[in-house]
Amino acid sequence: MFIDTEYFNRCILTLEKAYSLLLVTDSQLVDYDMYRSACVKEFEIILEQSGKLLRKVLKPYFHSPKAVDQLIFKDVFRQSLLRSLIDTELCERFLEYRDNRNNTTHDYGVNFATETLVLIPRFIEDVKQLSVIIDRHNHEFEE
C-alpha cells in the first residue's frame, strides 16, 4: 500500500517556517504570538500524523488491519521499534513528545507553548527522519 505523505511533509515545512520566523521576531509583537501558535499547532498535527502514518506502515506486519488500528499511540511506536522500522532513540523521543503533550494539554497558555518550543528543533529532525522511513516503505512497496 502506498502511503501519501504530502500533507505530513507540508506540515513539516510549515513548522520549520513558523519556527524560523519565531526565532527572528521580537517577543513583544503580535507576530511572535502568531508564529508561536503556529508552531504549537503544527507540532500537535505532526505528532498525530506520525502515529497515523506509522500505523499504515505496520499493517503488513499484523494479522489484520483492525489489530493495527486498535493500537494506542505508544504501542504504534513500540511495534515499529520491534520491527526495526525505527531505532530506540527515535521511539523514545516520540514517546517523550507525546508525554510532554499529554502532561501540558491542561494548560494551553504560554507555559504550554514555551515547553513545546524547546522541543521543536529536535522534533523537526525526527519527523524528517520518520518521513524518510515512510518513503523507504513506499519504495519497498513499489518493488
Protein backbone atom coordinates (compact mmCIF):
# COMPACT_ATOMS: atom_id res chain seq x y z
CA MET A 1 0.00 0.00 0.00
CA PHE A 2 1.34 3.42 -0.97
CA ILE A 3 1.29 5.91 1.91
CA ASP A 4 0.69 9.52 0.92
CA THR A 5 2.97 11.81 2.94
CA GLU A 6 2.25 15.04 1.07
CA TYR A 7 0.22 16.57 3.91
CA PHE A 8 2.73 15.35 6.51
CA ASN A 9 5.67 16.91 4.64
CA ARG A 10 3.72 20.12 4.12
CA CYS A 11 3.12 20.34 7.87
CA ILE A 12 6.85 19.83 8.49
CA LEU A 13 7.66 22.70 6.12
CA THR A 14 5.06 24.88 7.82
CA LEU A 15 6.56 24.12 11.23
CA GLU A 16 10.07 24.90 10.00
CA LYS A 17 8.93 28.21 8.53
CA ALA A 18 6.94 29.24 11.60
CA TYR A 19 9.82 28.32 13.90
CA SER A 20 12.40 30.19 11.83
CA LEU A 21 10.19 33.30 11.82
CA LEU A 22 9.59 32.97 15.55
CA LEU A 23 13.32 33.00 16.23
CA VAL A 24 13.83 36.34 14.47
CA THR A 25 10.69 38.08 15.76
CA ASP A 26 10.53 40.33 18.81
CA SER A 27 8.55 38.54 21.52
CA GLN A 28 6.58 41.70 22.22
CA LEU A 29 4.98 41.70 18.78
CA VAL A 30 1.70 40.04 17.84
CA ASP A 31 3.57 38.29 15.03
CA TYR A 32 5.56 36.40 17.66
CA ASP A 33 2.35 35.08 19.20
CA MET A 34 1.11 34.09 15.78
CA TYR A 35 4.30 32.15 14.95
CA ARG A 36 4.34 30.55 18.38
CA SER A 37 0.74 29.41 17.94
CA ALA A 38 1.55 28.04 14.50
CA CYS A 39 4.48 26.08 15.94
CA VAL A 40 2.34 24.52 18.65
CA LYS A 41 -0.48 23.71 16.21
CA GLU A 42 1.87 22.10 13.70
CA PHE A 43 3.66 20.19 16.46
CA GLU A 44 0.36 18.62 17.51
CA ILE A 45 -0.78 17.89 13.95
CA ILE A 46 2.55 16.31 13.01
CA LEU A 47 2.63 14.24 16.19
CA GLU A 48 -0.81 12.80 15.42
CA GLN A 49 0.04 12.28 11.75
CA SER A 50 3.21 10.42 12.75
CA GLY A 51 1.17 7.83 14.59
CA LYS A 52 -1.38 7.51 11.80
CA LEU A 53 1.25 7.08 9.11
CA LEU A 54 3.22 4.53 11.12
CA ARG A 55 0.02 2.55 11.59
CA LYS A 56 -0.19 2.26 7.82
CA VAL A 57 3.43 1.11 7.62
CA LEU A 58 2.75 -1.53 10.29
CA LYS A 59 -0.31 -3.09 8.64
CA PRO A 60 1.62 -5.71 6.61
CA TYR A 61 3.24 -6.96 9.83
CA PHE A 62 -0.05 -7.80 11.56
CA HIS A 63 -2.67 -10.49 11.01
CA SER A 64 -5.34 -7.89 10.33
CA PRO A 65 -5.57 -4.15 9.70
CA LYS A 66 -8.04 -3.91 12.57
CA ALA A 67 -5.37 -5.13 15.02
CA VAL A 68 -3.13 -2.22 14.00
CA ASP A 69 -5.98 0.28 14.15
CA GLN A 70 -6.58 -0.68 17.79
CA LEU A 71 -3.02 0.15 18.86
CA ILE A 72 -2.62 3.24 21.00
CA PHE A 73 -0.01 5.83 20.02
CA LYS A 74 2.74 4.48 22.26
CA ASP A 75 2.20 0.92 21.04
CA VAL A 76 2.44 2.05 17.41
CA PHE A 77 5.94 3.33 18.10
CA ARG A 78 6.88 0.31 20.20
CA GLN A 79 5.72 -2.06 17.45
CA SER A 80 7.66 -0.01 14.90
CA LEU A 81 10.74 -0.43 17.06
CA LEU A 82 10.19 -4.19 17.39
CA ARG A 83 10.03 -4.47 13.61
CA SER A 84 13.18 -2.35 13.17
CA LEU A 85 11.32 0.39 11.32
CA ILE A 86 12.68 2.96 13.78
CA ASP A 87 15.53 2.88 16.27
CA THR A 88 15.32 3.00 20.04
CA GLU A 89 16.26 6.67 20.34
CA LEU A 90 13.65 7.82 17.83
CA CYS A 91 11.00 5.72 19.56
CA GLU A 92 11.87 7.12 22.98
CA ARG A 93 11.82 10.71 21.72
CA PHE A 94 8.38 10.28 20.15
CA LEU A 95 7.08 8.81 23.39
CA GLU A 96 8.55 11.81 25.22
CA TYR A 97 6.93 14.23 22.73
CA ARG A 98 3.61 12.54 23.37
CA ASP A 99 4.11 12.59 27.14
CA ASN A 100 5.02 16.28 27.03
CA ARG A 101 1.87 16.99 25.07
CA ASN A 102 -0.31 14.94 27.42
CA ASN A 103 1.24 16.48 30.54
CA THR A 104 0.69 20.04 29.38
CA THR A 105 -2.62 19.90 27.49
CA HIS A 106 -4.48 21.23 30.51
CA ASP A 107 -2.50 24.45 30.05
CA TYR A 108 -2.83 25.82 26.53
CA GLY A 109 -1.25 29.09 27.60
CA VAL A 110 2.25 30.47 27.41
CA ASN A 111 3.73 27.69 29.58
CA PHE A 112 2.49 25.00 27.20
CA ALA A 113 3.85 26.89 24.21
CA THR A 114 7.19 27.53 25.90
CA GLU A 115 7.63 23.87 26.83
CA THR A 116 6.71 22.81 23.31
CA LEU A 117 9.04 25.31 21.63
CA VAL A 118 12.03 23.79 23.43
CA LEU A 119 11.27 20.50 21.67
CA ILE A 120 10.83 21.91 18.16
CA PRO A 121 14.40 21.77 16.75
CA ARG A 122 14.88 18.09 17.61
CA PHE A 123 11.27 17.31 16.69
CA ILE A 124 11.80 18.70 13.18
CA GLU A 125 14.83 16.44 12.71
CA ASP A 126 12.89 13.45 13.99
CA VAL A 127 9.84 13.92 11.81
CA LYS A 128 12.04 14.39 8.77
CA GLN A 129 13.70 11.08 9.64
CA LEU A 130 10.28 9.48 10.02
CA SER A 131 9.24 10.85 6.64
CA VAL A 132 12.29 9.17 5.07
CA ILE A 133 11.37 5.88 6.79
CA ILE A 134 7.84 6.05 5.40
CA ASP A 135 9.16 6.98 1.97
CA ARG A 136 11.50 3.97 2.12
CA HIS A 137 8.46 1.82 2.87
CA ASN A 138 6.75 3.26 -0.22
CA HIS A 139 9.74 2.35 -2.39
CA GLU A 140 9.82 -1.18 -0.98
CA PHE A 141 6.13 -1.46 -1.77
CA GLU A 142 6.74 -0.49 -5.40
CA GLU A 143 9.34 -3.22 -5.89
